[in-house]
N, C-alpha and C. Protein backbone atom coordinates (compact mmCIF):
# COMPACT_ATOMS: atom_id res chain seq x y z
N MET A 1 17.00 -5.19 10.26
CA MET A 1 15.70 -5.15 10.46
C MET A 1 15.48 -3.58 10.84
N ILE A 2 14.42 -3.22 10.36
CA ILE A 2 14.23 -1.69 11.51
C ILE A 2 13.05 -1.58 12.07
N ASN A 3 13.80 -1.66 13.61
CA ASN A 3 12.52 -1.98 14.79
C ASN A 3 12.27 0.11 15.90
N ARG A 4 12.72 0.64 14.82
CA ARG A 4 12.43 2.23 15.81
C ARG A 4 12.63 3.20 14.40
N VAL A 5 11.75 4.30 14.53
CA VAL A 5 11.99 5.22 13.55
C VAL A 5 12.38 6.77 14.35
N GLU A 6 13.68 7.04 13.44
CA GLU A 6 14.64 8.19 13.96
C GLU A 6 14.09 9.57 13.35
N LYS A 7 14.44 10.77 14.24
CA LYS A 7 13.59 11.68 14.44
C LYS A 7 13.24 12.68 12.81
N ASN A 8 14.79 12.55 11.92
CA ASN A 8 14.55 13.04 10.49
C ASN A 8 14.06 11.85 9.67
N GLU A 9 13.31 10.83 10.10
CA GLU A 9 12.63 9.60 8.87
C GLU A 9 11.08 10.68 8.55
N VAL A 10 10.87 10.09 7.37
CA VAL A 10 9.21 10.15 6.97
C VAL A 10 9.10 8.75 6.42
N VAL A 11 7.61 8.53 7.27
CA VAL A 11 6.96 7.69 6.12
C VAL A 11 6.09 7.91 5.51
N ILE A 12 6.40 6.81 4.00
CA ILE A 12 5.94 7.03 2.76
C ILE A 12 4.94 6.56 2.61
N LEU A 13 3.37 6.82 2.19
CA LEU A 13 2.28 5.90 2.17
C LEU A 13 2.65 5.77 0.22
N ASP A 14 2.20 5.08 -0.08
CA ASP A 14 1.94 5.32 -1.67
C ASP A 14 1.34 4.12 -2.38
N ASP A 15 0.85 3.71 -3.55
CA ASP A 15 -0.01 2.85 -4.40
C ASP A 15 0.68 2.47 -5.62
N HIS A 16 0.81 1.68 -6.19
CA HIS A 16 1.30 0.89 -7.34
C HIS A 16 0.63 -0.07 -8.06
N ILE A 17 0.35 -0.15 -9.48
CA ILE A 17 0.18 -1.59 -10.11
C ILE A 17 1.23 -1.57 -10.93
N ILE A 18 1.23 -3.01 -10.55
CA ILE A 18 2.44 -4.09 -11.42
C ILE A 18 0.95 -4.30 -12.51
N MET A 19 1.65 -4.06 -14.04
CA MET A 19 0.72 -4.73 -14.91
C MET A 19 1.03 -6.13 -15.04
N LYS A 20 -0.11 -7.13 -15.58
CA LYS A 20 -0.12 -8.32 -15.83
C LYS A 20 -0.99 -8.23 -17.12
N CYS A 21 -0.67 -9.53 -17.79
CA CYS A 21 -1.60 -10.05 -19.20
C CYS A 21 -2.21 -10.65 -18.89
N GLY A 22 -2.04 -12.04 -18.07
CA GLY A 22 -2.73 -13.49 -18.27
C GLY A 22 -4.36 -12.59 -17.37
N PRO A 23 -5.30 -13.17 -17.41
CA PRO A 23 -6.43 -13.06 -17.12
C PRO A 23 -6.42 -13.80 -15.65
N ASN A 24 -6.04 -15.39 -15.45
CA ASN A 24 -5.91 -15.65 -14.42
C ASN A 24 -4.94 -15.82 -13.48
N ILE A 25 -3.92 -14.27 -13.20
CA ILE A 25 -3.00 -14.68 -12.39
C ILE A 25 -3.62 -13.98 -11.27
N TYR A 26 -3.25 -14.76 -10.25
CA TYR A 26 -4.25 -14.75 -8.83
C TYR A 26 -4.38 -13.50 -8.11
N ARG A 27 -5.14 -12.59 -8.19
CA ARG A 27 -5.64 -11.92 -7.49
C ARG A 27 -5.56 -10.31 -8.92
N THR A 28 -5.66 -10.38 -9.78
CA THR A 28 -4.95 -9.16 -10.50
C THR A 28 -6.35 -8.74 -11.16
N ASP A 29 -7.01 -7.56 -11.30
CA ASP A 29 -7.73 -7.23 -11.38
C ASP A 29 -7.75 -5.76 -12.31
N TYR A 30 -8.57 -5.09 -12.73
CA TYR A 30 -8.36 -3.87 -13.69
C TYR A 30 -8.39 -2.63 -12.35
N HIS A 31 -7.76 -1.36 -12.44
CA HIS A 31 -7.38 -0.56 -11.63
C HIS A 31 -7.26 0.28 -12.23
N PHE A 32 -7.27 1.95 -12.05
CA PHE A 32 -7.40 2.84 -12.92
C PHE A 32 -6.12 3.41 -12.43
N ASP A 33 -5.31 3.71 -13.60
CA ASP A 33 -3.61 4.35 -13.85
C ASP A 33 -4.03 5.47 -14.01
N HIS A 34 -3.71 6.49 -12.59
CA HIS A 34 -3.74 8.42 -12.53
C HIS A 34 -3.38 8.66 -13.90
N PHE A 35 -1.52 7.89 -13.75
CA PHE A 35 -0.87 8.66 -15.08
C PHE A 35 -0.86 8.15 -16.36
N LYS A 36 -1.70 6.88 -16.50
CA LYS A 36 -2.11 6.57 -17.48
C LYS A 36 -3.38 7.36 -18.12
N GLY A 37 -4.31 7.42 -17.44
CA GLY A 37 -5.59 7.97 -17.35
C GLY A 37 -6.23 6.91 -17.92
N LYS A 38 -6.05 5.53 -17.59
CA LYS A 38 -7.13 4.83 -17.99
C LYS A 38 -6.94 3.37 -17.08
N SER A 39 -8.10 2.66 -16.81
CA SER A 39 -7.59 1.32 -16.35
C SER A 39 -6.75 0.19 -16.48
N VAL A 40 -6.02 0.02 -15.93
CA VAL A 40 -5.35 -1.25 -16.40
C VAL A 40 -5.56 -2.63 -15.51
N PHE A 41 -4.57 -3.55 -16.77
CA PHE A 41 -4.99 -5.17 -16.06
C PHE A 41 -3.68 -5.13 -14.60
N GLY A 42 -3.85 -5.91 -13.86
CA GLY A 42 -2.69 -6.05 -12.85
C GLY A 42 -3.03 -5.75 -11.54
N LEU A 43 -1.55 -5.76 -10.51
CA LEU A 43 -2.00 -6.19 -9.36
C LEU A 43 -1.68 -4.74 -8.67
N ASN A 44 -2.96 -4.17 -7.36
CA ASN A 44 -2.64 -2.81 -7.35
C ASN A 44 -1.92 -2.68 -5.75
N ILE A 45 -0.81 -2.43 -5.21
CA ILE A 45 -0.54 -2.60 -4.60
C ILE A 45 -0.12 -1.59 -3.56
N VAL A 46 -0.13 -1.80 -1.96
CA VAL A 46 -0.40 0.28 -1.28
C VAL A 46 0.98 -0.65 -0.41
N ASP A 47 1.97 0.29 -0.35
CA ASP A 47 3.13 0.32 0.27
C ASP A 47 3.33 1.19 1.25
N ARG A 48 3.94 1.17 2.14
CA ARG A 48 4.86 1.93 3.42
C ARG A 48 6.19 1.45 3.04
N ALA A 49 6.43 2.77 3.33
CA ALA A 49 8.36 3.12 2.96
C ALA A 49 8.58 4.06 4.04
N LEU A 50 10.00 3.65 4.55
CA LEU A 50 10.07 4.81 5.81
C LEU A 50 11.82 4.90 4.78
N SER A 51 11.45 6.76 4.92
CA SER A 51 12.90 7.38 4.42
C SER A 51 13.69 8.08 4.62
N GLY A 52 15.13 7.58 4.69
CA GLY A 52 15.46 8.62 6.06
C GLY A 52 17.14 9.00 5.45
N ASP A 53 18.11 7.81 5.36
CA ASP A 53 19.57 7.67 5.22
C ASP A 53 19.03 6.32 3.92
N GLY A 54 17.90 6.58 2.50
CA GLY A 54 17.79 5.22 2.05
C GLY A 54 16.50 5.52 2.31
N ILE A 55 15.75 4.44 1.63
CA ILE A 55 14.33 4.05 1.54
C ILE A 55 13.97 2.49 1.70
N PHE A 56 13.33 2.23 2.80
CA PHE A 56 13.28 0.73 2.63
C PHE A 56 11.73 0.65 3.61
N PRO A 57 11.99 -0.01 2.80
CA PRO A 57 10.32 -1.09 2.56
C PRO A 57 10.21 -1.38 4.11
N LEU A 58 8.53 -0.98 4.63
CA LEU A 58 8.00 -1.47 5.70
C LEU A 58 7.22 -2.80 5.85
N LEU A 59 6.22 -1.80 4.35
CA LEU A 59 4.96 -2.91 4.23
C LEU A 59 4.02 -2.87 3.08
N GLN A 60 3.86 -3.79 2.46
CA GLN A 60 3.12 -3.87 1.34
C GLN A 60 2.20 -4.77 1.36
N THR A 61 0.73 -4.22 0.83
CA THR A 61 -0.57 -5.03 1.39
C THR A 61 -1.26 -4.86 -0.34
N MET A 62 -1.73 -6.20 -0.80
CA MET A 62 -2.42 -5.96 -2.04
C MET A 62 -3.96 -5.92 -1.65
N TYR A 63 -4.07 -4.59 -2.83
CA TYR A 63 -5.46 -3.82 -2.47
C TYR A 63 -6.42 -4.62 -3.82
N LEU A 64 -7.67 -5.32 -2.97
CA LEU A 64 -8.75 -5.82 -3.78
C LEU A 64 -9.71 -4.84 -3.56
N ARG A 65 -10.49 -4.43 -5.17
CA ARG A 65 -11.67 -4.40 -5.68
C ARG A 65 -12.72 -4.65 -4.89
N LYS A 66 -13.77 -3.77 -4.19
CA LYS A 66 -14.73 -4.29 -4.00
C LYS A 66 -15.86 -5.22 -4.06
N GLY A 67 -16.29 -6.32 -3.63
CA GLY A 67 -16.88 -6.94 -4.62
C GLY A 67 -16.02 -8.74 -5.34
N ASP A 68 -14.91 -8.46 -4.96
CA ASP A 68 -13.50 -9.39 -5.47
C ASP A 68 -14.10 -11.13 -4.77
N LYS A 69 -14.70 -11.65 -5.79
CA LYS A 69 -14.66 -13.08 -5.12
C LYS A 69 -13.56 -14.02 -4.47
N ARG A 70 -12.68 -13.58 -4.57
CA ARG A 70 -11.47 -14.33 -4.66
C ARG A 70 -11.06 -13.49 -3.02
N LYS A 71 -11.64 -12.82 -2.52
CA LYS A 71 -11.17 -12.14 -1.21
C LYS A 71 -10.54 -13.53 0.01
N ILE A 72 -10.06 -13.10 0.97
CA ILE A 72 -10.08 -14.24 1.47
C ILE A 72 -11.27 -14.36 3.09
N ASP A 73 -11.76 -13.03 3.43
CA ASP A 73 -12.55 -13.07 4.42
C ASP A 73 -13.61 -11.66 3.55
N ASN A 74 -14.41 -11.47 4.45
CA ASN A 74 -15.62 -10.25 4.01
C ASN A 74 -15.54 -8.87 4.67
N ASN A 75 -14.00 -8.97 5.12
CA ASN A 75 -14.17 -7.12 5.29
C ASN A 75 -12.86 -6.46 4.43
N HIS A 76 -13.77 -5.75 3.53
CA HIS A 76 -13.97 -4.75 2.46
C HIS A 76 -12.34 -3.19 3.45
N LEU A 77 -11.36 -3.47 2.73
CA LEU A 77 -10.48 -2.29 2.86
C LEU A 77 -10.27 -1.69 1.49
N THR A 78 -10.75 -0.37 2.08
CA THR A 78 -10.25 0.48 0.80
C THR A 78 -8.74 1.21 0.13
N LYS A 79 -8.59 1.64 -0.56
CA LYS A 79 -7.19 2.41 -0.36
C LYS A 79 -6.93 3.37 0.29
N THR A 80 -8.22 3.93 1.02
CA THR A 80 -7.73 4.79 2.07
C THR A 80 -7.82 4.43 3.70
N ASP A 81 -8.41 2.98 3.47
CA ASP A 81 -8.19 2.33 4.38
C ASP A 81 -7.11 1.30 5.26
N ILE A 82 -6.44 1.14 3.71
CA ILE A 82 -5.15 0.06 4.25
C ILE A 82 -3.88 1.48 4.25
N PRO A 83 -3.39 2.28 4.14
CA PRO A 83 -3.01 3.29 5.06
C PRO A 83 -2.96 3.52 6.28
N THR A 84 -4.43 3.53 6.69
CA THR A 84 -4.75 3.92 7.86
C THR A 84 -4.00 2.86 8.91
N GLN A 85 -4.64 1.65 7.97
CA GLN A 85 -4.16 0.36 9.27
C GLN A 85 -3.10 0.53 9.21
N HIS A 86 -2.19 0.88 8.09
CA HIS A 86 -0.57 0.76 8.31
C HIS A 86 0.04 1.62 9.85
N LEU A 87 -0.50 2.78 9.63
CA LEU A 87 0.21 4.13 10.25
C LEU A 87 -0.20 3.46 11.90
N SER A 88 -2.03 3.05 12.32
CA SER A 88 -2.17 1.89 13.51
C SER A 88 -1.11 1.07 13.45
N GLN A 89 -0.72 -0.02 13.13
CA GLN A 89 0.13 -0.88 13.11
C GLN A 89 1.48 0.30 13.59
N LEU A 90 2.03 0.56 12.83
CA LEU A 90 3.54 1.52 13.32
C LEU A 90 3.24 1.84 14.69
N GLU A 91 1.76 2.96 15.17
CA GLU A 91 1.58 2.95 16.30
C GLU A 91 1.69 2.09 17.51
N ASP A 92 0.89 1.05 17.13
CA ASP A 92 0.93 0.11 18.30
C ASP A 92 2.10 -0.78 18.27
N LEU A 93 3.44 -0.25 17.05
CA LEU A 93 4.78 -1.01 17.59
C LEU A 93 5.30 0.29 18.66
N GLY A 94 4.90 1.00 18.58
CA GLY A 94 5.68 2.44 19.34
C GLY A 94 6.59 3.70 18.42
N SER A 95 6.30 3.41 17.10
CA SER A 95 7.32 4.01 16.78
C SER A 95 6.79 5.52 17.00
N ASN A 96 7.73 6.21 16.74
CA ASN A 96 7.87 7.31 17.17
C ASN A 96 7.88 8.74 15.73
N VAL A 97 6.85 7.83 14.74
CA VAL A 97 6.77 9.00 13.40
C VAL A 97 6.12 10.62 14.03
N LYS A 98 6.90 11.14 12.79
CA LYS A 98 7.13 12.60 13.24
C LYS A 98 6.29 13.19 11.97
N TRP A 99 6.45 12.57 10.81
CA TRP A 99 6.34 13.34 9.44
C TRP A 99 5.56 11.68 8.23
N VAL A 100 4.47 11.83 7.52
CA VAL A 100 4.00 10.76 7.01
C VAL A 100 3.68 11.68 5.91
N LYS A 101 4.16 11.14 4.53
CA LYS A 101 3.52 11.81 3.40
C LYS A 101 2.81 10.78 1.85
N PHE A 102 2.31 11.21 1.47
CA PHE A 102 1.31 10.55 0.64
C PHE A 102 0.31 11.75 -0.26
N ASP A 103 0.10 10.78 -1.38
CA ASP A 103 -0.48 11.87 -2.41
C ASP A 103 -2.03 11.54 -2.97
N CYS A 104 -2.86 12.42 -2.98
CA CYS A 104 -4.00 12.64 -2.98
C CYS A 104 -5.13 11.33 -3.81
C-alpha cells in the first residue's frame, strides 16, 4: 500500500481505451483514439499512477461520455475533470506531490 509520495516521485495522469467488440458490454461506447485517428468501441479509462522506483497504479476511473444513459448519477465529469479530481484527492490525503506529468 502506498501511503506517501517521496520527493523524487512523479504522478502520471493519462487515459487509455480498452477495445471491446460486444455492443452490450457494460459501459462501453465509442471513443476517439488519437493513435488510430478514429473512434473505436470500448472502455475509456483515466489513470493516475505513481512513478519512482517503479510504476504503481493509484486510481482508475471509467470515463462516460456526456448523455450516457447508463450513468449512476447526473454529474458529468469530463476527461479534464477526472484527473483534476484525482489530484484533489491526493491533496486531501496530504501527499507532497511536486511533479505531475500528462499529455495534452
